[in-house]
PDB file of N, CA and C in Angstrom:
ATOM      1  N   UNK A   1      93.557 109.669 121.460  1.00  0.00           N
ATOM      2  CA  UNK A   1      95.002 109.883 121.244  1.00  0.00           C
ATOM      3  C   UNK A   1      95.743 108.607 121.634  1.00  0.00           C
ATOM      4  N   UNK A   2      96.588 108.136 120.700  1.00  0.00           N
ATOM      5  CA  UNK A   2      97.456 106.999 120.963  1.00  0.00           C
ATOM      6  C   UNK A   2      98.702 107.454 121.683  1.00  0.00           C
ATOM      7  N   UNK A   3      99.045 106.738 122.711  1.00  0.00           N
ATOM      8  CA  UNK A   3     100.240 107.168 123.469  1.00  0.00           C
ATOM      9  C   UNK A   3     101.526 106.754 122.757  1.00  0.00           C
ATOM     10  N   UNK A   4     101.701 105.443 122.540  1.00  0.00           N
ATOM     11  CA  UNK A   4     102.924 104.978 121.929  1.00  0.00           C
ATOM     12  C   UNK A   4     102.704 104.658 120.437  1.00  0.00           C
ATOM     13  N   UNK A   5     103.639 105.055 119.641  1.00  0.00           N
ATOM     14  CA  UNK A   5     103.610 104.745 118.226  1.00  0.00           C
ATOM     15  C   UNK A   5     103.867 103.265 117.987  1.00  0.00           C
ATOM     16  N   UNK A   6     103.108 102.674 117.121  1.00  0.00           N
ATOM     17  CA  UNK A   6     103.383 101.279 116.683  1.00  0.00           C
ATOM     18  C   UNK A   6     104.447 101.348 115.607  1.00  0.00           C
ATOM     19  N   UNK A   7     105.374 100.442 115.626  1.00  0.00           N
ATOM     20  CA  UNK A   7     106.496 100.447 114.655  1.00  0.00           C
ATOM     21  C   UNK A   7     106.395  99.355 113.608  1.00  0.00           C
ATOM     22  N   UNK A   8     106.987  99.655 112.454  1.00  0.00           N
ATOM     23  CA  UNK A   8     107.172  98.673 111.395  1.00  0.00           C
ATOM     24  C   UNK A   8     108.636  98.780 110.994  1.00  0.00           C
ATOM     25  N   UNK A   9     109.408  97.714 111.108  1.00  0.00           N
ATOM     26  CA  UNK A   9     110.826  97.787 110.762  1.00  0.00           C
ATOM     27  C   UNK A   9     111.042  97.468 109.292  1.00  0.00           C
ATOM     28  N   UNK A  10     111.840  98.293 108.652  1.00  0.00           N
ATOM     29  CA  UNK A  10     112.236  98.075 107.274  1.00  0.00           C
ATOM     30  C   UNK A  10     113.119  96.811 107.256  1.00  0.00           C
ATOM     31  N   UNK A  11     113.301  96.195 106.127  1.00  0.00           N
ATOM     32  CA  UNK A  11     114.035  94.964 106.093  1.00  0.00           C
ATOM     33  C   UNK A  11     115.517  95.121 106.345  1.00  0.00           C
ATOM     34  N   UNK A  12     116.032  96.340 106.295  1.00  0.00           N
ATOM     35  CA  UNK A  12     117.450  96.549 106.610  1.00  0.00           C
ATOM     36  C   UNK A  12     117.714  96.647 108.118  1.00  0.00           C
ATOM     37  N   UNK A  13     116.673  96.653 108.931  1.00  0.00           N
ATOM     38  CA  UNK A  13     116.805  96.680 110.398  1.00  0.00           C
ATOM     39  C   UNK A  13     116.833  95.254 110.942  1.00  0.00           C
ATOM     40  N   UNK A  14     117.830  94.966 111.757  1.00  0.00           N
ATOM     41  CA  UNK A  14     117.977  93.601 112.303  1.00  0.00           C
ATOM     42  C   UNK A  14     116.745  93.200 113.082  1.00  0.00           C
ATOM     43  N   UNK A  15     116.363  91.933 112.946  1.00  0.00           N
ATOM     44  CA  UNK A  15     115.206  91.381 113.703  1.00  0.00           C
ATOM     45  C   UNK A  15     115.408  91.513 115.199  1.00  0.00           C
ATOM     46  N   UNK A  16     116.638  91.499 115.640  1.00  0.00           N
ATOM     47  CA  UNK A  16     116.944  91.611 117.073  1.00  0.00           C
ATOM     48  C   UNK A  16     116.451  92.956 117.615  1.00  0.00           C
ATOM     49  N   UNK A  17     116.501  94.023 116.779  1.00  0.00           N
ATOM     50  CA  UNK A  17     115.990  95.323 117.197  1.00  0.00           C
ATOM     51  C   UNK A  17     114.497  95.209 117.545  1.00  0.00           C
ATOM     52  N   UNK A  18     113.750  94.563 116.663  1.00  0.00           N
ATOM     53  CA  UNK A  18     112.313  94.367 116.891  1.00  0.00           C
ATOM     54  C   UNK A  18     112.092  93.540 118.167  1.00  0.00           C
ATOM     55  N   UNK A  19     112.839  92.469 118.344  1.00  0.00           N
ATOM     56  CA  UNK A  19     112.714  91.669 119.528  1.00  0.00           C
ATOM     57  C   UNK A  19     112.977  92.446 120.784  1.00  0.00           C
ATOM     58  N   UNK A  20     114.037  93.256 120.767  1.00  0.00           N
ATOM     59  CA  UNK A  20     114.359  94.056 121.943  1.00  0.00           C
ATOM     60  C   UNK A  20     113.274  95.081 122.261  1.00  0.00           C
ATOM     61  N   UNK A  21     112.743  95.708 121.232  1.00  0.00           N
ATOM     62  CA  UNK A  21     111.687  96.692 121.426  1.00  0.00           C
ATOM     63  C   UNK A  21     110.411  96.034 121.922  1.00  0.00           C
ATOM     64  N   UNK A  22     110.095  94.838 121.389  1.00  0.00           N
ATOM     65  CA  UNK A  22     108.891  94.118 121.838  1.00  0.00           C
ATOM     66  C   UNK A  22     109.058  93.739 123.304  1.00  0.00           C
ATOM     67  N   UNK A  23     110.243  93.370 123.720  1.00  0.00           N
ATOM     68  CA  UNK A  23     110.504  93.010 125.099  1.00  0.00           C
ATOM     69  C   UNK A  23     110.332  94.193 126.059  1.00  0.00           C
ATOM     70  N   UNK A  24     110.408  95.394 125.513  1.00  0.00           N
ATOM     71  CA  UNK A  24     110.206  96.613 126.297  1.00  0.00           C
ATOM     72  C   UNK A  24     108.728  97.072 126.228  1.00  0.00           C
ATOM     73  N   UNK A  25     107.904  96.260 125.597  1.00  0.00           N
ATOM     74  CA  UNK A  25     106.460  96.529 125.583  1.00  0.00           C
ATOM     75  C   UNK A  25     105.965  97.299 124.409  1.00  0.00           C
ATOM     76  N   UNK A  26     106.808  97.535 123.390  1.00  0.00           N
ATOM     77  CA  UNK A  26     106.371  98.285 122.233  1.00  0.00           C
ATOM     78  C   UNK A  26     105.736  97.386 121.187  1.00  0.00           C
ATOM     79  N   UNK A  27     104.802  97.912 120.470  1.00  0.00           N
ATOM     80  CA  UNK A  27     104.135  97.166 119.382  1.00  0.00           C
ATOM     81  C   UNK A  27     104.962  97.301 118.130  1.00  0.00           C
ATOM     82  N   UNK A  28     105.640  96.210 117.728  1.00  0.00           N
ATOM     83  CA  UNK A  28     106.557  96.234 116.599  1.00  0.00           C
ATOM     84  C   UNK A  28     106.204  95.106 115.646  1.00  0.00           C
ATOM     85  N   UNK A  29     106.166  95.433 114.372  1.00  0.00           N
ATOM     86  CA  UNK A  29     105.935  94.468 113.316  1.00  0.00           C
ATOM     87  C   UNK A  29     107.142  94.563 112.349  1.00  0.00           C
ATOM     88  N   UNK A  30     107.572  93.431 111.807  1.00  0.00           N
ATOM     89  CA  UNK A  30     108.714  93.438 110.923  1.00  0.00           C
ATOM     90  C   UNK A  30     108.263  93.210 109.482  1.00  0.00           C
ATOM     91  N   UNK A  31     109.157  93.559 108.579  1.00  0.00           N
ATOM     92  CA  UNK A  31     108.930  93.342 107.160  1.00  0.00           C
ATOM     93  C   UNK A  31     108.697  91.840 106.912  1.00  0.00           C
ATOM     94  N   UNK A  32     109.444  90.989 107.534  1.00  0.00           N
ATOM     95  CA  UNK A  32     109.290  89.523 107.357  1.00  0.00           C
ATOM     96  C   UNK A  32     107.962  89.058 107.861  1.00  0.00           C
ATOM     97  N   UNK A  33     107.526  89.552 109.038  1.00  0.00           N
ATOM     98  CA  UNK A  33     106.217  89.146 109.611  1.00  0.00           C
ATOM     99  C   UNK A  33     105.094  89.586 108.679  1.00  0.00           C
ATOM    100  N   UNK A  34     105.237  90.714 108.029  1.00  0.00           N
ATOM    101  CA  UNK A  34     104.196  91.222 107.117  1.00  0.00           C
ATOM    102  C   UNK A  34     104.308  90.598 105.725  1.00  0.00           C
ATOM    103  N   UNK A  35     105.330  89.734 105.557  1.00  0.00           N
ATOM    104  CA  UNK A  35     105.541  89.085 104.244  1.00  0.00           C
ATOM    105  C   UNK A  35     105.811  90.124 103.153  1.00  0.00           C
ATOM    106  N   UNK A  36     106.519  91.163 103.500  1.00  0.00           N
ATOM    107  CA  UNK A  36     106.855  92.230 102.587  1.00  0.00           C
ATOM    108  C   UNK A  36     108.339  92.299 102.218  1.00  0.00           C
ATOM    109  N   UNK A  37     109.049  91.231 102.486  1.00  0.00           N
ATOM    110  CA  UNK A  37     110.490  91.233 102.134  1.00  0.00           C
ATOM    111  C   UNK A  37     110.622  91.401 100.648  1.00  0.00           C
ATOM    112  N   UNK A  38     111.583  92.212 100.221  1.00  0.00           N
ATOM    113  CA  UNK A  38     111.825  92.432  98.793  1.00  0.00           C
ATOM    114  C   UNK A  38     110.992  93.538  98.193  1.00  0.00           C
ATOM    115  N   UNK A  39     110.032  94.122  98.965  1.00  0.00           N
ATOM    116  CA  UNK A  39     109.234  95.225  98.455  1.00  0.00           C
ATOM    117  C   UNK A  39     110.094  96.484  98.385  1.00  0.00           C
ATOM    118  N   UNK A  40     109.753  97.359  97.492  1.00  0.00           N
ATOM    119  CA  UNK A  40     110.477  98.618  97.339  1.00  0.00           C
ATOM    120  C   UNK A  40     110.103  99.563  98.515  1.00  0.00           C
ATOM    121  N   UNK A  41     110.945 100.548  98.723  1.00  0.00           N
ATOM    122  CA  UNK A  41     110.723 101.468  99.835  1.00  0.00           C
ATOM    123  C   UNK A  41     109.378 102.228  99.768  1.00  0.00           C
ATOM    124  N   UNK A  42     108.941 102.667  98.602  1.00  0.00           N
ATOM    125  CA  UNK A  42     107.618 103.321  98.571  1.00  0.00           C
ATOM    126  C   UNK A  42     106.499 102.361  99.007  1.00  0.00           C
ATOM    127  N   UNK A  43     106.636 101.080  98.629  1.00  0.00           N
ATOM    128  CA  UNK A  43     105.596 100.090  99.042  1.00  0.00           C
ATOM    129  C   UNK A  43     105.688  99.856 100.580  1.00  0.00           C
ATOM    130  N   UNK A  44     106.923  99.849 101.130  1.00  0.00           N
ATOM    131  CA  UNK A  44     107.070  99.655 102.591  1.00  0.00           C
ATOM    132  C   UNK A  44     106.400 100.816 103.330  1.00  0.00           C
ATOM    133  N   UNK A  45     106.612 102.031 102.869  1.00  0.00           N
ATOM    134  CA  UNK A  45     106.037 103.207 103.535  1.00  0.00           C
ATOM    135  C   UNK A  45     104.533 103.218 103.416  1.00  0.00           C
ATOM    136  N   UNK A  46     104.023 102.852 102.230  1.00  0.00           N
ATOM    137  CA  UNK A  46     102.590 102.750 102.024  1.00  0.00           C
ATOM    138  C   UNK A  46     101.992 101.729 102.973  1.00  0.00           C
ATOM    139  N   UNK A  47     102.605 100.570 103.084  1.00  0.00           N
ATOM    140  CA  UNK A  47     102.147  99.540 103.987  1.00  0.00           C
ATOM    141  C   UNK A  47     102.108 100.041 105.440  1.00  0.00           C
ATOM    142  N   UNK A  48     103.205 100.666 105.828  1.00  0.00           N
ATOM    143  CA  UNK A  48     103.284 101.175 107.225  1.00  0.00           C
ATOM    144  C   UNK A  48     102.167 102.203 107.457  1.00  0.00           C
ATOM    145  N   UNK A  49     101.941 103.088 106.498  1.00  0.00           N
ATOM    146  CA  UNK A  49     100.886 104.082 106.686  1.00  0.00           C
ATOM    147  C   UNK A  49      99.506 103.441 106.744  1.00  0.00           C
ATOM    148  N   UNK A  50      99.285 102.431 105.921  1.00  0.00           N
ATOM    149  CA  UNK A  50      97.991 101.708 105.916  1.00  0.00           C
ATOM    150  C   UNK A  50      97.772 101.045 107.281  1.00  0.00           C
ATOM    151  N   UNK A  51      98.836 100.569 107.870  1.00  0.00           N
ATOM    152  CA  UNK A  51      98.725  99.890 109.188  1.00  0.00           C
ATOM    153  C   UNK A  51      98.847 100.821 110.365  1.00  0.00           C
ATOM    154  N   UNK A  52      98.947 102.139 110.091  1.00  0.00           N
ATOM    155  CA  UNK A  52      99.099 103.152 111.130  1.00  0.00           C
ATOM    156  C   UNK A  52     100.350 102.904 111.956  1.00  0.00           C
ATOM    157  N   UNK A  53     101.441 102.615 111.271  1.00  0.00           N
ATOM    158  CA  UNK A  53     102.725 102.335 111.921  1.00  0.00           C
ATOM    159  C   UNK A  53     103.793 103.250 111.456  1.00  0.00           C
ATOM    160  N   UNK A  54     104.650 103.660 112.366  1.00  0.00           N
ATOM    161  CA  UNK A  54     105.838 104.419 112.069  1.00  0.00           C
ATOM    162  C   UNK A  54     106.932 103.462 111.573  1.00  0.00           C
ATOM    163  N   UNK A  55     107.585 103.849 110.489  1.00  0.00           N
ATOM    164  CA  UNK A  55     108.586 102.935 109.921  1.00  0.00           C
ATOM    165  C   UNK A  55     109.980 103.268 110.511  1.00  0.00           C
ATOM    166  N   UNK A  56     110.728 102.211 110.864  1.00  0.00           N
ATOM    167  CA  UNK A  56     112.077 102.361 111.377  1.00  0.00           C
ATOM    168  C   UNK A  56     113.019 101.836 110.316  1.00  0.00           C
ATOM    169  N   UNK A  57     114.026 102.618 109.943  1.00  0.00           N
ATOM    170  CA  UNK A  57     114.889 102.254 108.850  1.00  0.00           C
ATOM    171  C   UNK A  57     116.309 102.812 109.025  1.00  0.00           C
ATOM    172  N   UNK A  58     117.242 102.209 108.332  1.00  0.00           N
ATOM    173  CA  UNK A  58     118.602 102.761 108.264  1.00  0.00           C
ATOM    174  C   UNK A  58     118.791 103.512 106.940  1.00  0.00           C
ATOM    175  N   UNK A  59     117.827 103.403 106.085  1.00  0.00           N
ATOM    176  CA  UNK A  59     117.936 103.931 104.697  1.00  0.00           C
ATOM    177  C   UNK A  59     117.557 105.437 104.622  1.00  0.00           C
ATOM    178  N   UNK A  60     118.502 106.272 104.992  1.00  0.00           N
ATOM    179  CA  UNK A  60     118.275 107.702 105.117  1.00  0.00           C
ATOM    180  C   UNK A  60     117.867 108.353 103.768  1.00  0.00           C
ATOM    181  N   UNK A  61     118.656 108.152 102.755  1.00  0.00           N
ATOM    182  CA  UNK A  61     118.447 108.868 101.493  1.00  0.00           C
ATOM    183  C   UNK A  61     117.094 108.633 100.892  1.00  0.00           C
ATOM    184  N   UNK A  62     116.705 107.343 100.755  1.00  0.00           N
ATOM    185  CA  UNK A  62     115.411 107.018 100.122  1.00  0.00           C
ATOM    186  C   UNK A  62     114.234 107.526 100.950  1.00  0.00           C
ATOM    187  N   UNK A  63     114.320 107.358 102.268  1.00  0.00           N
ATOM    188  CA  UNK A  63     113.201 107.771 103.073  1.00  0.00           C
ATOM    189  C   UNK A  63     113.109 109.268 103.280  1.00  0.00           C
ATOM    190  N   UNK A  64     114.181 110.000 103.191  1.00  0.00           N
ATOM    191  CA  UNK A  64     114.113 111.458 103.157  1.00  0.00           C
ATOM    192  C   UNK A  64     113.383 111.895 101.890  1.00  0.00           C
ATOM    193  N   UNK A  65     113.677 111.266 100.793  1.00  0.00           N
ATOM    194  CA  UNK A  65     113.023 111.563  99.518  1.00  0.00           C
ATOM    195  C   UNK A  65     111.548 111.256  99.596  1.00  0.00           C
ATOM    196  N   UNK A  66     111.195 110.072 100.129  1.00  0.00           N
ATOM    197  CA  UNK A  66     109.805 109.673 100.276  1.00  0.00           C
ATOM    198  C   UNK A  66     109.051 110.620 101.188  1.00  0.00           C
ATOM    199  N   UNK A  67     109.636 111.040 102.263  1.00  0.00           N
ATOM    200  CA  UNK A  67     109.014 111.971 103.213  1.00  0.00           C
ATOM    201  C   UNK A  67     108.693 113.264 102.478  1.00  0.00           C
ATOM    202  N   UNK A  68     109.621 113.814 101.712  1.00  0.00           N
ATOM    203  CA  UNK A  68     109.313 115.038 100.961  1.00  0.00           C
ATOM    204  C   UNK A  68     108.232 114.850  99.931  1.00  0.00           C
ATOM    205  N   UNK A  69     108.198 113.690  99.277  1.00  0.00           N
ATOM    206  CA  UNK A  69     107.157 113.420  98.311  1.00  0.00           C
ATOM    207  C   UNK A  69     105.791 113.379  98.987  1.00  0.00           C
ATOM    208  N   UNK A  70     105.720 112.759 100.124  1.00  0.00           N
ATOM    209  CA  UNK A  70     104.466 112.727 100.895  1.00  0.00           C
ATOM    210  C   UNK A  70     104.025 114.129 101.276  1.00  0.00           C
ATOM    211  N   UNK A  71     104.930 114.951 101.729  1.00  0.00           N
ATOM    212  CA  UNK A  71     104.607 116.362 102.082  1.00  0.00           C
ATOM    213  C   UNK A  71     104.091 117.104 100.882  1.00  0.00           C
ATOM    214  N   UNK A  72     104.779 116.966  99.765  1.00  0.00           N
ATOM    215  CA  UNK A  72     104.431 117.729  98.541  1.00  0.00           C
ATOM    216  C   UNK A  72     103.130 117.331  97.945  1.00  0.00           C
ATOM    217  N   UNK A  73     102.742 116.073  98.148  1.00  0.00           N
ATOM    218  CA  UNK A  73     101.511 115.523  97.545  1.00  0.00           C
ATOM    219  C   UNK A  73     100.348 115.465  98.543  1.00  0.00           C
ATOM    220  N   UNK A  74     100.581 115.934  99.726  1.00  0.00           N
ATOM    221  CA  UNK A  74      99.485 115.939 100.748  1.00  0.00           C
ATOM    222  C   UNK A  74      99.153 114.549 101.333  1.00  0.00           C
ATOM    223  N   UNK A  75     100.063 113.617 101.125  1.00  0.00           N
ATOM    224  CA  UNK A  75      99.862 112.277 101.728  1.00  0.00           C
ATOM    225  C   UNK A  75     100.344 112.297 103.158  1.00  0.00           C
ATOM    226  N   UNK A  76      99.839 111.356 103.910  1.00  0.00           N
ATOM    227  CA  UNK A  76     100.180 111.274 105.353  1.00  0.00           C
ATOM    228  C   UNK A  76     100.807 109.924 105.648  1.00  0.00           C
ATOM    229  N   UNK A  77     101.802 109.942 106.550  1.00  0.00           N
ATOM    230  CA  UNK A  77     102.346 108.688 107.053  1.00  0.00           C
ATOM    231  C   UNK A  77     102.378 108.812 108.560  1.00  0.00           C
ATOM    232  N   UNK A  78     102.709 107.762 109.258  1.00  0.00           N
ATOM    233  CA  UNK A  78     102.680 107.693 110.709  1.00  0.00           C
ATOM    234  C   UNK A  78     104.052 107.871 111.327  1.00  0.00           C
ATOM    235  N   UNK A  79     104.954 108.440 110.574  1.00  0.00           N
ATOM    236  CA  UNK A  79     106.291 108.730 111.049  1.00  0.00           C
ATOM    237  C   UNK A  79     107.359 107.871 110.417  1.00  0.00           C
ATOM    238  N   UNK A  80     108.534 108.459 110.299  1.00  0.00           N
ATOM    239  CA  UNK A  80     109.692 107.752 109.770  1.00  0.00           C
ATOM    240  C   UNK A  80     110.842 108.038 110.787  1.00  0.00           C
ATOM    241  N   UNK A  81     111.394 106.947 111.318  1.00  0.00           N
ATOM    242  CA  UNK A  81     112.535 107.083 112.209  1.00  0.00           C
ATOM    243  C   UNK A  81     113.754 106.491 111.491  1.00  0.00           C
ATOM    244  N   UNK A  82     114.771 107.336 111.355  1.00  0.00           N
ATOM    245  CA  UNK A  82     116.005 106.898 110.682  1.00  0.00           C
ATOM    246  C   UNK A  82     117.096 106.799 111.730  1.00  0.00           C
ATOM    247  N   UNK A  83     117.769 105.673 111.733  1.00  0.00           N
ATOM    248  CA  UNK A  83     118.851 105.460 112.698  1.00  0.00           C
ATOM    249  C   UNK A  83     120.067 104.915 111.980  1.00  0.00           C
ATOM    250  N   UNK A  84     121.236 105.317 112.432  1.00  0.00           N
ATOM    251  CA  UNK A  84     122.497 104.730 111.875  1.00  0.00           C
ATOM    252  C   UNK A  84     122.565 103.233 112.171  1.00  0.00           C
ATOM    253  N   UNK A  85     123.396 102.553 111.424  1.00  0.00           N
ATOM    254  CA  UNK A  85     123.521 101.094 111.639  1.00  0.00           C
ATOM    255  C   UNK A  85     124.527 100.829 112.799  1.00  0.00           C
ATOM    256  N   UNK A  86     124.044 101.011 113.998  1.00  0.00           N
ATOM    257  CA  UNK A  86     124.787 100.651 115.229  1.00  0.00           C
ATOM    258  C   UNK A  86     124.372  99.231 115.569  1.00  0.00           C
ATOM    259  N   UNK A  87     124.944  98.712 116.648  1.00  0.00           N
ATOM    260  CA  UNK A  87     124.534  97.389 117.071  1.00  0.00           C
ATOM    261  C   UNK A  87     123.039  97.438 117.522  1.00  0.00           C
ATOM    262  N   UNK A  88     122.388  96.314 117.510  1.00  0.00           N
ATOM    263  CA  UNK A  88     120.967  96.249 117.767  1.00  0.00           C
ATOM    264  C   UNK A  88     120.576  96.825 119.128  1.00  0.00           C
ATOM    265  N   UNK A  89     121.413  96.614 120.121  1.00  0.00           N
ATOM    266  CA  UNK A  89     121.098  97.116 121.488  1.00  0.00           C
ATOM    267  C   UNK A  89     121.097  98.636 121.516  1.00  0.00           C
ATOM    268  N   UNK A  90     122.048  99.241 120.800  1.00  0.00           N
ATOM    269  CA  UNK A  90     122.103 100.728 120.726  1.00  0.00           C
ATOM    270  C   UNK A  90     120.931 101.277 119.973  1.00  0.00           C
ATOM    271  N   UNK A  91     120.577 100.635 118.844  1.00  0.00           N
ATOM    272  CA  UNK A  91     119.445 101.096 118.066  1.00  0.00           C
ATOM    273  C   UNK A  91     118.140 101.017 118.895  1.00  0.00           C
ATOM    274  N   UNK A  92     117.936  99.883 119.554  1.00  0.00           N
ATOM    275  CA  UNK A  92     116.718  99.706 120.379  1.00  0.00           C
ATOM    276  C   UNK A  92     116.689 100.752 121.537  1.00  0.00           C
ATOM    277  N   UNK A  93     117.853 101.018 122.091  1.00  0.00           N
ATOM    278  CA  UNK A  93     117.895 102.027 123.198  1.00  0.00           C
ATOM    279  C   UNK A  93     117.491 103.429 122.642  1.00  0.00           C
ATOM    280  N   UNK A  94     118.065 103.807 121.531  1.00  0.00           N
ATOM    281  CA  UNK A  94     117.769 105.119 120.956  1.00  0.00           C
ATOM    282  C   UNK A  94     116.279 105.234 120.571  1.00  0.00           C
ATOM    283  N   UNK A  95     115.769 104.213 119.922  1.00  0.00           N
ATOM    284  CA  UNK A  95     114.369 104.239 119.514  1.00  0.00           C
ATOM    285  C   UNK A  95     113.439 104.253 120.697  1.00  0.00           C
ATOM    286  N   UNK A  96     113.754 103.491 121.753  1.00  0.00           N
ATOM    287  CA  UNK A  96     112.949 103.509 122.995  1.00  0.00           C
ATOM    288  C   UNK A  96     112.839 104.922 123.575  1.00  0.00           C
ATOM    289  N   UNK A  97     113.940 105.636 123.560  1.00  0.00           N
ATOM    290  CA  UNK A  97     113.924 106.995 124.076  1.00  0.00           C
ATOM    291  C   UNK A  97     112.943 107.886 123.308  1.00  0.00           C
ATOM    292  N   UNK A  98     112.986 107.783 122.005  1.00  0.00           N
ATOM    293  CA  UNK A  98     112.057 108.564 121.170  1.00  0.00           C
ATOM    294  C   UNK A  98     110.602 108.151 121.423  1.00  0.00           C
ATOM    295  N   UNK A  99     110.358 106.833 121.455  1.00  0.00           N
ATOM    296  CA  UNK A  99     108.986 106.356 121.682  1.00  0.00           C
ATOM    297  C   UNK A  99     108.463 106.717 123.051  1.00  0.00           C
ATOM    298  N   UNK A 100     109.328 106.804 124.024  1.00  0.00           N
ATOM    299  CA  UNK A 100     108.914 107.220 125.391  1.00  0.00           C
ATOM    300  C   UNK A 100     108.684 108.715 125.448  1.00  0.00           C
ATOM    301  N   UNK A 101     109.394 109.463 124.629  1.00  0.00           N
ATOM    302  CA  UNK A 101     109.316 110.942 124.702  1.00  0.00           C
ATOM    303  C   UNK A 101     108.185 111.529 123.871  1.00  0.00           C
ATOM    304  N   UNK A 102     107.812 110.893 122.789  1.00  0.00           N
ATOM    305  CA  UNK A 102     106.828 111.461 121.878  1.00  0.00           C
ATOM    306  C   UNK A 102     105.624 110.524 121.747  1.00  0.00           C
ATOM    307  N   UNK A 103     104.446 111.128 121.643  1.00  0.00           N
ATOM    308  CA  UNK A 103     103.235 110.306 121.416  1.00  0.00           C
ATOM    309  C   UNK A 103     103.158 109.888 119.949  1.00  0.00           C
ATOM    310  N   UNK A 104     102.280 108.956 119.661  1.00  0.00           N
ATOM    311  CA  UNK A 104     102.079 108.546 118.295  1.00  0.00           C
ATOM    312  C   UNK A 104     101.638 109.750 117.412  1.00  0.00           C
ATOM    313  N   UNK A 105     100.764 110.545 117.980  1.00  0.00           N
ATOM    314  CA  UNK A 105     100.262 111.716 117.267  1.00  0.00           C
ATOM    315  C   UNK A 105     101.381 112.699 116.950  1.00  0.00           C
ATOM    316  N   UNK A 106     102.324 112.856 117.861  1.00  0.00           N
ATOM    317  CA  UNK A 106     103.461 113.805 117.660  1.00  0.00           C
ATOM    318  C   UNK A 106     104.424 113.262 116.592  1.00  0.00           C
ATOM    319  N   UNK A 107     104.459 111.959 116.392  1.00  0.00           N
ATOM    320  CA  UNK A 107     105.375 111.336 115.444  1.00  0.00           C
ATOM    321  C   UNK A 107     104.777 111.347 114.028  1.00  0.00           C
ATOM    322  N   UNK A 108     103.448 111.382 113.940  1.00  0.00           N
ATOM    323  CA  UNK A 108     102.800 111.405 112.619  1.00  0.00           C
ATOM    324  C   UNK A 108     103.356 112.466 111.669  1.00  0.00           C
ATOM    325  N   UNK A 109     103.635 112.044 110.445  1.00  0.00           N
ATOM    326  CA  UNK A 109     104.155 112.882 109.388  1.00  0.00           C
ATOM    327  C   UNK A 109     105.522 113.528 109.702  1.00  0.00           C
ATOM    328  N   UNK A 110     106.227 112.992 110.677  1.00  0.00           N
ATOM    329  CA  UNK A 110     107.553 113.514 111.040  1.00  0.00           C
ATOM    330  C   UNK A 110     108.631 112.601 110.540  1.00  0.00           C
ATOM    331  N   UNK A 111     109.759 113.205 110.203  1.00  0.00           N
ATOM    332  CA  UNK A 111     110.979 112.483 109.852  1.00  0.00           C
ATOM    333  C   UNK A 111     111.927 112.714 111.014  1.00  0.00           C
ATOM    334  N   UNK A 112     112.258 111.648 111.750  1.00  0.00           N
ATOM    335  CA  UNK A 112     113.058 111.754 112.967  1.00  0.00           C
ATOM    336  C   UNK A 112     114.360 111.010 112.787  1.00  0.00           C
ATOM    337  N   UNK A 113     115.427 111.566 113.385  1.00  0.00           N
ATOM    338  CA  UNK A 113     116.757 110.929 113.340  1.00  0.00           C
ATOM    339  C   UNK A 113     117.181 110.619 114.771  1.00  0.00           C
ATOM    340  N   UNK A 114     117.604 109.385 114.980  1.00  0.00           N
ATOM    341  CA  UNK A 114     118.055 108.987 116.298  1.00  0.00           C
ATOM    342  C   UNK A 114     119.452 108.371 116.235  1.00  0.00           C
TER     343      UNK A 114
END
């Protein structure tokens, strides 16, 4: 059982959020680090799932749709966390609370709002 979920930030999430989460000890990879800038949302979620990472995004509508598609087709992902576009410090704080409260296994296949 993995304790903390590894994260992958969608390109709409500020790099500062990833930096702040990394400084708190979380395993975070960014779209830029993965050289996936410009990829479509389905490709981003597929990449995150392949890497066993929960995706962090501000893009509620598209990722809600993708989550439902995954459920309907029996596909699995490692979690989707949707957060409003607050300042980076607030986003990092909210995400940290979720990552501290839930294990990676509990986040799998879940759509979470923070």
